PDB file of N, CA and C in Angstrom:
ATOM      1  N   MET A   1      24.914 137.706   7.469  1.00  0.00           N
ATOM      2  CA  MET A   1      26.030 137.036   6.347  1.00  0.00           C
ATOM      3  C   MET A   1      25.489 135.795   6.266  1.00  0.00           C
ATOM      4  N   SER A   2      24.968 135.315   5.350  1.00  0.00           N
ATOM      5  CA  SER A   2      24.363 134.558   3.969  1.00  0.00           C
ATOM      6  C   SER A   2      25.898 133.183   4.136  1.00  0.00           C
ATOM      7  N   ASP A   3      26.532 133.163   3.956  1.00  0.00           N
ATOM      8  CA  ASP A   3      27.277 131.917   3.779  1.00  0.00           C
ATOM      9  C   ASP A   3      27.777 130.620   4.579  1.00  0.00           C
ATOM     10  N   GLU A   4      26.517 130.470   4.561  1.00  0.00           N
ATOM     11  CA  GLU A   4      26.338 129.209   5.250  1.00  0.00           C
ATOM     12  C   GLU A   4      27.738 128.384   5.093  1.00  0.00           C
ATOM     13  N   THR A   5      28.581 128.126   4.236  1.00  0.00           N
ATOM     14  CA  THR A   5      29.722 126.792   3.935  1.00  0.00           C
ATOM     15  C   THR A   5      30.793 127.284   4.885  1.00  0.00           C
ATOM     16  N   GLN A   6      30.526 129.283   5.645  1.00  0.00           N
ATOM     17  CA  GLN A   6      31.383 128.932   7.033  1.00  0.00           C
ATOM     18  C   GLN A   6      30.998 128.787   8.117  1.00  0.00           C
ATOM     19  N   LEU A   7      30.374 128.047   8.541  1.00  0.00           N
ATOM     20  CA  LEU A   7      29.919 127.267   9.927  1.00  0.00           C
ATOM     21  C   LEU A   7      30.062 126.066   9.950  1.00  0.00           C
ATOM     22  N   THR A   8      30.781 126.038  11.108  1.00  0.00           N
ATOM     23  CA  THR A   8      31.593 124.687  11.295  1.00  0.00           C
ATOM     24  C   THR A   8      30.510 123.998  13.055  1.00  0.00           C
ATOM     25  N   VAL A   9      30.642 122.940  13.248  1.00  0.00           N
ATOM     26  CA  VAL A   9      29.511 122.660  14.072  1.00  0.00           C
ATOM     27  C   VAL A   9      30.913 121.772  15.411  1.00  0.00           C
ATOM     28  N   VAL A  10      30.962 121.906  16.274  1.00  0.00           N
ATOM     29  CA  VAL A  10      31.842 121.463  17.506  1.00  0.00           C
ATOM     30  C   VAL A  10      31.575 120.479  19.228  1.00  0.00           C
ATOM     31  N   ASP A  11      31.762 119.631  19.704  1.00  0.00           N
ATOM     32  CA  ASP A  11      30.757 119.828  20.351  1.00  0.00           C
ATOM     33  C   ASP A  11      32.058 120.474  21.098  1.00  0.00           C
ATOM     34  N   ASN A  12      31.125 120.827  22.252  1.00  0.00           N
ATOM     35  CA  ASN A  12      31.789 121.882  23.532  1.00  0.00           C
ATOM     36  C   ASN A  12      31.599 120.845  24.941  1.00  0.00           C
ATOM     37  N   PRO A  13      32.252 119.983  25.400  1.00  0.00           N
ATOM     38  CA  PRO A  13      31.788 119.359  26.521  1.00  0.00           C
ATOM     39  C   PRO A  13      32.033 119.410  27.800  1.00  0.00           C
ATOM     40  N   GLY A  14      32.715 120.324  27.535  1.00  0.00           N
ATOM     41  CA  GLY A  14      33.099 121.907  29.339  1.00  0.00           C
ATOM     42  C   GLY A  14      31.686 122.760  29.287  1.00  0.00           C
ATOM     43  N   GLU A  15      30.382 123.246  28.195  1.00  0.00           N
ATOM     44  CA  GLU A  15      29.202 123.226  28.807  1.00  0.00           C
ATOM     45  C   GLU A  15      28.682 122.434  28.150  1.00  0.00           C
ATOM     46  N   SER A  16      28.452 121.778  27.794  1.00  0.00           N
ATOM     47  CA  SER A  16      27.403 120.325  27.750  1.00  0.00           C
ATOM     48  C   SER A  16      26.893 120.708  26.493  1.00  0.00           C
ATOM     49  N   ARG A  17      27.261 120.627  25.133  1.00  0.00           N
ATOM     50  CA  ARG A  17      26.733 121.255  24.030  1.00  0.00           C
ATOM     51  C   ARG A  17      27.176 121.431  22.929  1.00  0.00           C
ATOM     52  N   PHE A  18      26.420 121.050  22.047  1.00  0.00           N
ATOM     53  CA  PHE A  18      27.079 121.400  20.206  1.00  0.00           C
ATOM     54  C   PHE A  18      27.022 122.957  20.351  1.00  0.00           C
ATOM     55  N   ASP A  19      28.131 123.082  19.960  1.00  0.00           N
ATOM     56  CA  ASP A  19      28.325 125.218  19.649  1.00  0.00           C
ATOM     57  C   ASP A  19      28.493 124.838  17.690  1.00  0.00           C
ATOM     58  N   VAL A  20      27.589 125.852  17.139  1.00  0.00           N
ATOM     59  CA  VAL A  20      27.590 126.047  15.666  1.00  0.00           C
ATOM     60  C   VAL A  20      28.203 127.418  16.090  1.00  0.00           C
ATOM     61  N   ARG A  21      29.585 127.897  15.152  1.00  0.00           N
ATOM     62  CA  ARG A  21      30.147 129.212  15.004  1.00  0.00           C
ATOM     63  C   ARG A  21      30.726 128.770  13.416  1.00  0.00           C
ATOM     64  N   LEU A  22      30.625 130.395  13.588  1.00  0.00           N
ATOM     65  CA  LEU A  22      31.616 131.290  11.855  1.00  0.00           C
ATOM     66  C   LEU A  22      32.799 131.241  11.501  1.00  0.00           C
ATOM     67  N   ALA A  23      33.004 131.549  11.002  1.00  0.00           N
ATOM     68  CA  ALA A  23      34.630 131.719  10.669  1.00  0.00           C
ATOM     69  C   ALA A  23      35.586 131.528  11.857  1.00  0.00           C
ATOM     70  N   ASP A  24      34.873 133.069  12.120  1.00  0.00           N
ATOM     71  CA  ASP A  24      35.507 134.001  13.302  1.00  0.00           C
ATOM     72  C   ASP A  24      35.602 133.037  14.666  1.00  0.00           C
ATOM     73  N   GLY A  25      35.122 131.806  14.754  1.00  0.00           N
ATOM     74  CA  GLY A  25      34.828 132.323  16.283  1.00  0.00           C
ATOM     75  C   GLY A  25      33.505 132.021  16.836  1.00  0.00           C
ATOM     76  N   THR A  26      33.138 133.058  16.475  1.00  0.00           N
ATOM     77  CA  THR A  26      30.923 133.211  16.699  1.00  0.00           C
ATOM     78  C   THR A  26      30.410 131.991  17.364  1.00  0.00           C
ATOM     79  N   VAL A  27      30.190 131.713  17.892  1.00  0.00           N
ATOM     80  CA  VAL A  27      28.673 131.029  18.804  1.00  0.00           C
ATOM     81  C   VAL A  27      27.948 131.146  18.027  1.00  0.00           C
ATOM     82  N   VAL A  28      27.174 131.148  16.910  1.00  0.00           N
ATOM     83  CA  VAL A  28      25.744 131.586  16.821  1.00  0.00           C
ATOM     84  C   VAL A  28      24.212 130.712  17.451  1.00  0.00           C
ATOM     85  N   GLY A  29      24.765 129.507  17.386  1.00  0.00           N
ATOM     86  CA  GLY A  29      23.892 128.396  18.164  1.00  0.00           C
ATOM     87  C   GLY A  29      23.947 127.133  18.537  1.00  0.00           C
ATOM     88  N   SER A  30      23.191 126.472  19.814  1.00  0.00           N
ATOM     89  CA  SER A  30      23.813 125.684  20.907  1.00  0.00           C
ATOM     90  C   SER A  30      22.786 124.710  21.223  1.00  0.00           C
ATOM     91  N   ALA A  31      23.599 123.211  20.633  1.00  0.00           N
ATOM     92  CA  ALA A  31      22.352 122.298  21.058  1.00  0.00           C
ATOM     93  C   ALA A  31      22.709 121.406  22.467  1.00  0.00           C
ATOM     94  N   TYR A  32      22.136 122.053  23.433  1.00  0.00           N
ATOM     95  CA  TYR A  32      22.876 121.743  24.933  1.00  0.00           C
ATOM     96  C   TYR A  32      22.041 120.118  24.871  1.00  0.00           C
ATOM     97  N   TYR A  33      23.261 119.398  26.175  1.00  0.00           N
ATOM     98  CA  TYR A  33      22.509 117.337  26.390  1.00  0.00           C
ATOM     99  C   TYR A  33      23.075 117.034  27.335  1.00  0.00           C
ATOM    100  N   GLU A  34      22.716 116.482  28.033  1.00  0.00           N
ATOM    101  CA  GLU A  34      22.981 115.764  29.060  1.00  0.00           C
ATOM    102  C   GLU A  34      23.942 114.160  28.502  1.00  0.00           C
ATOM    103  N   ARG A  35      24.890 113.760  28.668  1.00  0.00           N
ATOM    104  CA  ARG A  35      25.055 112.554  28.283  1.00  0.00           C
ATOM    105  C   ARG A  35      25.130 111.364  29.349  1.00  0.00           C
ATOM    106  N   GLU A  36      24.294 110.156  28.791  1.00  0.00           N
ATOM    107  CA  GLU A  36      25.021 109.111  29.615  1.00  0.00           C
ATOM    108  C   GLU A  36      26.459 108.065  28.956  1.00  0.00           C
ATOM    109  N   PRO A  37      26.590 107.307  29.417  1.00  0.00           N
ATOM    110  CA  PRO A  37      27.713 106.003  28.283  1.00  0.00           C
ATOM    111  C   PRO A  37      26.814 105.808  27.073  1.00  0.00           C
ATOM    112  N   GLY A  38      27.341 106.455  26.040  1.00  0.00           N
ATOM    113  CA  GLY A  38      26.817 106.062  25.070  1.00  0.00           C
ATOM    114  C   GLY A  38      25.425 106.335  23.959  1.00  0.00           C
ATOM    115  N   VAL A  39      24.962 108.003  25.291  1.00  0.00           N
ATOM    116  CA  VAL A  39      23.737 108.113  25.222  1.00  0.00           C
ATOM    117  C   VAL A  39      24.118 109.449  25.200  1.00  0.00           C
ATOM    118  N   VAL A  40      23.946 110.915  24.086  1.00  0.00           N
ATOM    119  CA  VAL A  40      23.516 112.023  24.143  1.00  0.00           C
ATOM    120  C   VAL A  40      21.675 112.582  24.216  1.00  0.00           C
ATOM    121  N   ILE A  41      21.626 113.074  24.790  1.00  0.00           N
ATOM    122  CA  ILE A  41      20.079 112.812  25.510  1.00  0.00           C
ATOM    123  C   ILE A  41      19.954 115.015  25.211  1.00  0.00           C
ATOM    124  N   PHE A  42      19.475 115.030  24.048  1.00  0.00           N
ATOM    125  CA  PHE A  42      19.048 117.039  23.609  1.00  0.00           C
ATOM    126  C   PHE A  42      18.362 117.347  24.545  1.00  0.00           C
ATOM    127  N   THR A  43      18.342 118.332  24.793  1.00  0.00           N
ATOM    128  CA  THR A  43      17.877 119.541  25.431  1.00  0.00           C
ATOM    129  C   THR A  43      17.286 120.395  25.211  1.00  0.00           C
ATOM    130  N   HIS A  44      17.804 121.137  24.448  1.00  0.00           N
ATOM    131  CA  HIS A  44      17.390 122.451  24.366  1.00  0.00           C
ATOM    132  C   HIS A  44      18.447 123.195  22.529  1.00  0.00           C
ATOM    133  N   THR A  45      17.418 123.680  21.882  1.00  0.00           N
ATOM    134  CA  THR A  45      18.321 123.850  21.525  1.00  0.00           C
ATOM    135  C   THR A  45      18.037 125.617  21.041  1.00  0.00           C
ATOM    136  N   GLU A  46      19.113 126.776  20.070  1.00  0.00           N
ATOM    137  CA  GLU A  46      19.571 128.016  20.511  1.00  0.00           C
ATOM    138  C   GLU A  46      19.763 128.840  19.229  1.00  0.00           C
ATOM    139  N   VAL A  47      19.093 129.164  18.820  1.00  0.00           N
ATOM    140  CA  VAL A  47      20.320 129.823  17.824  1.00  0.00           C
ATOM    141  C   VAL A  47      20.106 131.766  17.781  1.00  0.00           C
ATOM    142  N   ASP A  48      21.043 132.144  17.768  1.00  0.00           N
ATOM    143  CA  ASP A  48      21.422 133.444  17.696  1.00  0.00           C
ATOM    144  C   ASP A  48      20.404 134.718  16.510  1.00  0.00           C
ATOM    145  N   PRO A  49      19.188 135.083  17.313  1.00  0.00           N
ATOM    146  CA  PRO A  49      18.058 136.016  16.944  1.00  0.00           C
ATOM    147  C   PRO A  49      18.847 136.783  15.375  1.00  0.00           C
ATOM    148  N   SER A  50      19.618 136.610  14.960  1.00  0.00           N
ATOM    149  CA  SER A  50      20.964 137.859  14.051  1.00  0.00           C
ATOM    150  C   SER A  50      20.136 136.332  13.069  1.00  0.00           C
ATOM    151  N   MET A  51      20.350 135.348  13.669  1.00  0.00           N
ATOM    152  CA  MET A  51      21.037 133.938  12.634  1.00  0.00           C
ATOM    153  C   MET A  51      19.581 133.486  12.307  1.00  0.00           C
ATOM    154  N   GLU A  52      18.586 133.673  12.521  1.00  0.00           N
ATOM    155  CA  GLU A  52      17.025 132.772  12.388  1.00  0.00           C
ATOM    156  C   GLU A  52      16.588 133.085  11.147  1.00  0.00           C
ATOM    157  N   GLY A  53      16.588 131.899  10.724  1.00  0.00           N
ATOM    158  CA  GLY A  53      16.137 132.049   9.479  1.00  0.00           C
ATOM    159  C   GLY A  53      16.821 131.356   8.450  1.00  0.00           C
ATOM    160  N   LYS A  54      18.053 131.478   8.446  1.00  0.00           N
ATOM    161  CA  LYS A  54      19.382 131.872   7.339  1.00  0.00           C
ATOM    162  C   LYS A  54      19.842 129.898   7.702  1.00  0.00           C
ATOM    163  N   GLY A  55      19.095 129.157   7.974  1.00  0.00           N
ATOM    164  CA  GLY A  55      19.848 127.514   7.955  1.00  0.00           C
ATOM    165  C   GLY A  55      20.737 127.111   8.549  1.00  0.00           C
ATOM    166  N   VAL A  56      20.795 128.116  10.065  1.00  0.00           N
ATOM    167  CA  VAL A  56      21.839 127.961  10.786  1.00  0.00           C
ATOM    168  C   VAL A  56      21.324 126.718  11.882  1.00  0.00           C
ATOM    169  N   GLY A  57      20.079 126.938  12.434  1.00  0.00           N
ATOM    170  CA  GLY A  57      19.575 125.432  13.700  1.00  0.00           C
ATOM    171  C   GLY A  57      19.825 124.354  12.040  1.00  0.00           C
ATOM    172  N   SER A  58      19.006 124.266  11.538  1.00  0.00           N
ATOM    173  CA  SER A  58      19.360 123.425  10.633  1.00  0.00           C
ATOM    174  C   SER A  58      20.923 122.411  10.212  1.00  0.00           C
ATOM    175  N   ARG A  59      21.656 123.640  10.195  1.00  0.00           N
ATOM    176  CA  ARG A  59      23.353 123.079   9.709  1.00  0.00           C
ATOM    177  C   ARG A  59      23.796 122.217  11.416  1.00  0.00           C
ATOM    178  N   LEU A  60      23.179 123.524  12.507  1.00  0.00           N
ATOM    179  CA  LEU A  60      23.828 122.778  13.866  1.00  0.00           C
ATOM    180  C   LEU A  60      23.162 121.341  14.340  1.00  0.00           C
ATOM    181  N   ALA A  61      21.950 121.255  13.962  1.00  0.00           N
ATOM    182  CA  ALA A  61      21.421 119.734  13.648  1.00  0.00           C
ATOM    183  C   ALA A  61      22.054 118.611  13.511  1.00  0.00           C
ATOM    184  N   ALA A  62      22.491 119.064  12.077  1.00  0.00           N
ATOM    185  CA  ALA A  62      23.097 117.853  10.978  1.00  0.00           C
ATOM    186  C   ALA A  62      24.173 117.862  11.876  1.00  0.00           C
ATOM    187  N   GLY A  63      25.123 119.082  11.955  1.00  0.00           N
ATOM    188  CA  GLY A  63      26.104 118.713  12.848  1.00  0.00           C
ATOM    189  C   GLY A  63      26.626 117.713  13.832  1.00  0.00           C
ATOM    190  N   ALA A  64      25.350 118.197  14.860  1.00  0.00           N
ATOM    191  CA  ALA A  64      25.546 117.560  16.027  1.00  0.00           C
ATOM    192  C   ALA A  64      25.123 115.672  15.893  1.00  0.00           C
ATOM    193  N   LEU A  65      23.670 116.181  15.635  1.00  0.00           N
ATOM    194  CA  LEU A  65      23.688 114.653  14.988  1.00  0.00           C
ATOM    195  C   LEU A  65      25.231 114.129  14.435  1.00  0.00           C
ATOM    196  N   GLY A  66      25.874 114.451  13.178  1.00  0.00           N
ATOM    197  CA  GLY A  66      26.633 113.762  12.195  1.00  0.00           C
ATOM    198  C   GLY A  66      27.781 113.270  13.806  1.00  0.00           C
ATOM    199  N   LEU A  67      28.432 114.648  14.219  1.00  0.00           N
ATOM    200  CA  LEU A  67      29.089 113.949  15.446  1.00  0.00           C
ATOM    201  C   LEU A  67      29.014 113.064  16.924  1.00  0.00           C
ATOM    202  N   ALA A  68      27.746 112.578  16.908  1.00  0.00           N
ATOM    203  CA  ALA A  68      26.877 111.609  17.816  1.00  0.00           C
ATOM    204  C   ALA A  68      26.986 110.884  17.027  1.00  0.00           C
ATOM    205  N   ARG A  69      27.028 110.640  16.157  1.00  0.00           N
ATOM    206  CA  ARG A  69      26.462 108.726  14.673  1.00  0.00           C
ATOM    207  C   ARG A  69      28.440 108.588  15.075  1.00  0.00           C
ATOM    208  N   GLU A  70      29.196 110.070  14.960  1.00  0.00           N
ATOM    209  CA  GLU A  70      31.047 109.776  15.009  1.00  0.00           C
ATOM    210  C   GLU A  70      31.158 108.745  15.940  1.00  0.00           C
ATOM    211  N   ALA A  71      30.948 109.049  16.912  1.00  0.00           N
ATOM    212  CA  ALA A  71      30.909 108.578  18.028  1.00  0.00           C
ATOM    213  C   ALA A  71      30.375 107.474  18.675  1.00  0.00           C
ATOM    214  N   GLY A  72      30.401 107.094  17.672  1.00  0.00           N
ATOM    215  CA  GLY A  72      29.020 105.394  18.134  1.00  0.00           C
ATOM    216  C   GLY A  72      28.230 106.001  19.068  1.00  0.00           C
ATOM    217  N   ASP A  73      27.748 107.024  18.799  1.00  0.00           N
ATOM    218  CA  ASP A  73      26.324 107.507  20.002  1.00  0.00           C
ATOM    219  C   ASP A  73      25.248 107.236  19.643  1.00  0.00           C
ATOM    220  N   ARG A  74      24.456 106.510  20.625  1.00  0.00           N
ATOM    221  CA  ARG A  74      22.678 107.232  20.325  1.00  0.00           C
ATOM    222  C   ARG A  74      22.549 108.151  20.864  1.00  0.00           C
ATOM    223  N   ILE A  75      21.232 109.067  20.573  1.00  0.00           N
ATOM    224  CA  ILE A  75      20.514 109.836  20.809  1.00  0.00           C
ATOM    225  C   ILE A  75      18.817 110.070  21.532  1.00  0.00           C
ATOM    226  N   VAL A  76      18.193 110.957  22.401  1.00  0.00           N
ATOM    227  CA  VAL A  76      17.266 110.963  23.025  1.00  0.00           C
ATOM    228  C   VAL A  76      16.943 112.316  22.463  1.00  0.00           C
ATOM    229  N   PRO A  77      16.493 112.572  21.546  1.00  0.00           N
ATOM    230  CA  PRO A  77      15.338 114.035  21.233  1.00  0.00           C
ATOM    231  C   PRO A  77      14.422 114.870  22.401  1.00  0.00           C
ATOM    232  N   LEU A  78      15.245 114.998  23.265  1.00  0.00           N
ATOM    233  CA  LEU A  78      13.767 116.285  24.114  1.00  0.00           C
ATOM    234  C   LEU A  78      13.745 116.452  23.518  1.00  0.00           C
ATOM    235  N   CYS A  79      14.361 117.860  23.089  1.00  0.00           N
ATOM    236  CA  CYS A  79      14.582 118.689  22.239  1.00  0.00           C
ATOM    237  C   CYS A  79      13.303 118.513  21.380  1.00  0.00           C
ATOM    238  N   PRO A  80      12.100 119.949  20.630  1.00  0.00           N
ATOM    239  CA  PRO A  80      11.647 119.640  20.265  1.00  0.00           C
ATOM    240  C   PRO A  80      12.255 119.890  18.656  1.00  0.00           C
ATOM    241  N   PHE A  81      13.184 120.972  18.468  1.00  0.00           N
ATOM    242  CA  PHE A  81      13.370 120.983  17.487  1.00  0.00           C
ATOM    243  C   PHE A  81      14.807 119.837  16.793  1.00  0.00           C
ATOM    244  N   ILE A  82      15.343 119.462  17.722  1.00  0.00           N
ATOM    245  CA  ILE A  82      15.675 118.868  17.237  1.00  0.00           C
ATOM    246  C   ILE A  82      15.305 116.951  16.648  1.00  0.00           C
ATOM    247  N   ARG A  83      14.478 116.795  17.640  1.00  0.00           N
ATOM    248  CA  ARG A  83      13.290 116.418  17.004  1.00  0.00           C
ATOM    249  C   ARG A  83      12.124 116.365  16.063  1.00  0.00           C
ATOM    250  N   ALA A  84      12.656 117.342  15.726  1.00  0.00           N
ATOM    251  CA  ALA A  84      11.527 117.846  14.080  1.00  0.00           C
ATOM    252  C   ALA A  84      12.208 117.339  13.219  1.00  0.00           C
ATOM    253  N   TYR A  85      13.874 117.517  13.738  1.00  0.00           N
ATOM    254  CA  TYR A  85      14.614 117.183  12.299  1.00  0.00           C
ATOM    255  C   TYR A  85      15.132 115.906  11.902  1.00  0.00           C
ATOM    256  N   VAL A  86      14.772 115.509  13.075  1.00  0.00           N
ATOM    257  CA  VAL A  86      14.978 113.758  13.091  1.00  0.00           C
ATOM    258  C   VAL A  86      13.772 113.737  11.903  1.00  0.00           C
ATOM    259  N   LYS A  87      12.423 114.204  12.750  1.00  0.00           N
ATOM    260  CA  LYS A  87      10.819 113.350  12.073  1.00  0.00           C
ATOM    261  C   LYS A  87      11.386 114.281  10.409  1.00  0.00           C
ATOM    262  N   LYS A  88      12.354 114.691  10.115  1.00  0.00           N
ATOM    263  CA  LYS A  88      12.288 115.493   8.822  1.00  0.00           C
ATOM    264  C   LYS A  88      13.308 113.952   8.036  1.00  0.00           C
ATOM    265  N   HIS A  89      14.698 113.920   9.028  1.00  0.00           N
ATOM    266  CA  HIS A  89      15.602 113.675   8.206  1.00  0.00           C
ATOM    267  C   HIS A  89      15.674 112.218   8.261  1.00  0.00           C
ATOM    268  N   PRO A  90      14.755 111.385   8.595  1.00  0.00           N
ATOM    269  CA  PRO A  90      14.367 110.164   8.419  1.00  0.00           C
ATOM    270  C   PRO A  90      16.621 109.433   8.114  1.00  0.00           C
ATOM    271  N   GLU A  91      17.345 109.877   7.752  1.00  0.00           N
ATOM    272  CA  GLU A  91      18.600 109.031   7.847  1.00  0.00           C
ATOM    273  C   GLU A  91      19.495 109.121   9.567  1.00  0.00           C
ATOM    274  N   TYR A  92      18.726 109.485  10.495  1.00  0.00           N
ATOM    275  CA  TYR A  92      19.299 110.493  12.096  1.00  0.00           C
ATOM    276  C   TYR A  92      18.347 108.960  12.324  1.00  0.00           C
ATOM    277  N   GLU A  93      16.857 108.572  11.996  1.00  0.00           N
ATOM    278  CA  GLU A  93      15.937 107.491  12.883  1.00  0.00           C
ATOM    279  C   GLU A  93      17.011 106.471  13.982  1.00  0.00           C
ATOM    280  N   ASP A  94      18.159 105.959  13.018  1.00  0.00           N
ATOM    281  CA  ASP A  94      18.583 104.779  13.680  1.00  0.00           C
ATOM    282  C   ASP A  94      19.539 105.510  14.713  1.00  0.00           C
ATOM    283  N   LEU A  95      19.800 106.817  14.716  1.00  0.00           N
ATOM    284  CA  LEU A  95      20.251 107.064  15.828  1.00  0.00           C
ATOM    285  C   LEU A  95      19.557 107.450  17.380  1.00  0.00           C
ATOM    286  N   VAL A  96      18.013 107.122  17.371  1.00  0.00           N
ATOM    287  CA  VAL A  96      17.413 107.683  17.935  1.00  0.00           C
ATOM    288  C   VAL A  96      16.911 106.240  19.051  1.00  0.00           C
ATOM    289  N   LEU A  97      17.561 105.977  20.520  1.00  0.00           N
ATOM    290  CA  LEU A  97      17.368 105.317  21.481  1.00  0.00           C
ATOM    291  C   LEU A  97      15.580 105.520  21.685  1.00  0.00           C
ATOM    292  N   HIS A  98      15.060 104.409  21.403  1.00  0.00           N
ATOM    293  CA  HIS A  98      13.684 104.223  21.986  1.00  0.00           C
ATOM    294  C   HIS A  98      13.766 104.003  22.885  1.00  0.00           C
ATOM    295  N   PRO A  99      13.048 103.542  24.053  1.00  0.00           N
ATOM    296  CA  PRO A  99      12.608 103.586  25.545  1.00  0.00           C
ATOM    297  C   PRO A  99      12.300 101.883  26.226  1.00  0.00           C
ATOM    298  N   HIS A 100      11.597 101.638  24.813  1.00  0.00           N
ATOM    299  CA  HIS A 100      11.359 100.438  25.050  1.00  0.00           C
ATOM    300  C   HIS A 100      12.163  99.470  24.090  1.00  0.00           C
ATOM    301  N   ALA A 101      13.035  99.742  23.315  1.00  0.00           N
ATOM    302  CA  ALA A 101      13.467  99.266  22.119  1.00  0.00           C
ATOM    303  C   ALA A 101      14.824  97.826  22.802  1.00  0.00           C
ATOM    304  N   GLY A 102      14.718  97.915  23.641  1.00  0.00           N
ATOM    305  CA  GLY A 102      15.247  96.421  24.935  1.00  0.00           C
ATOM    306  C   GLY A 102      17.197  96.618  24.386  1.00  0.00           C
ATOM    307  N   THR A 103      17.703  96.099  25.186  1.00  0.00           N
ATOM    308  CA  THR A 103      18.919  95.762  24.610  1.00  0.00           C
ATOM    309  C   THR A 103      19.586  95.065  24.863  1.00  0.00           C
TER     310      THR A 103
END
């Protein structure tokens, strides 16, 4: 399946994850998280092996980070994939909650 425009990222709070879904609703990747008030702590990301190398992980990361931004949340990227994505896309750096940033 090469038509990435058919991918949708949604928050699935009951499972504590953001899911990336195909047009038919099939989940093909998930970014797992823990939540604290105003903070999304990304812990692990998975993409269906049949979808690897097709940009699904990047769409998932961008969608999850966009949803966090829309909600006014900050993030803690413990997941290596999300951490690397933010490093490659500095437009998301403002979401990162640094441990010694102070409030």
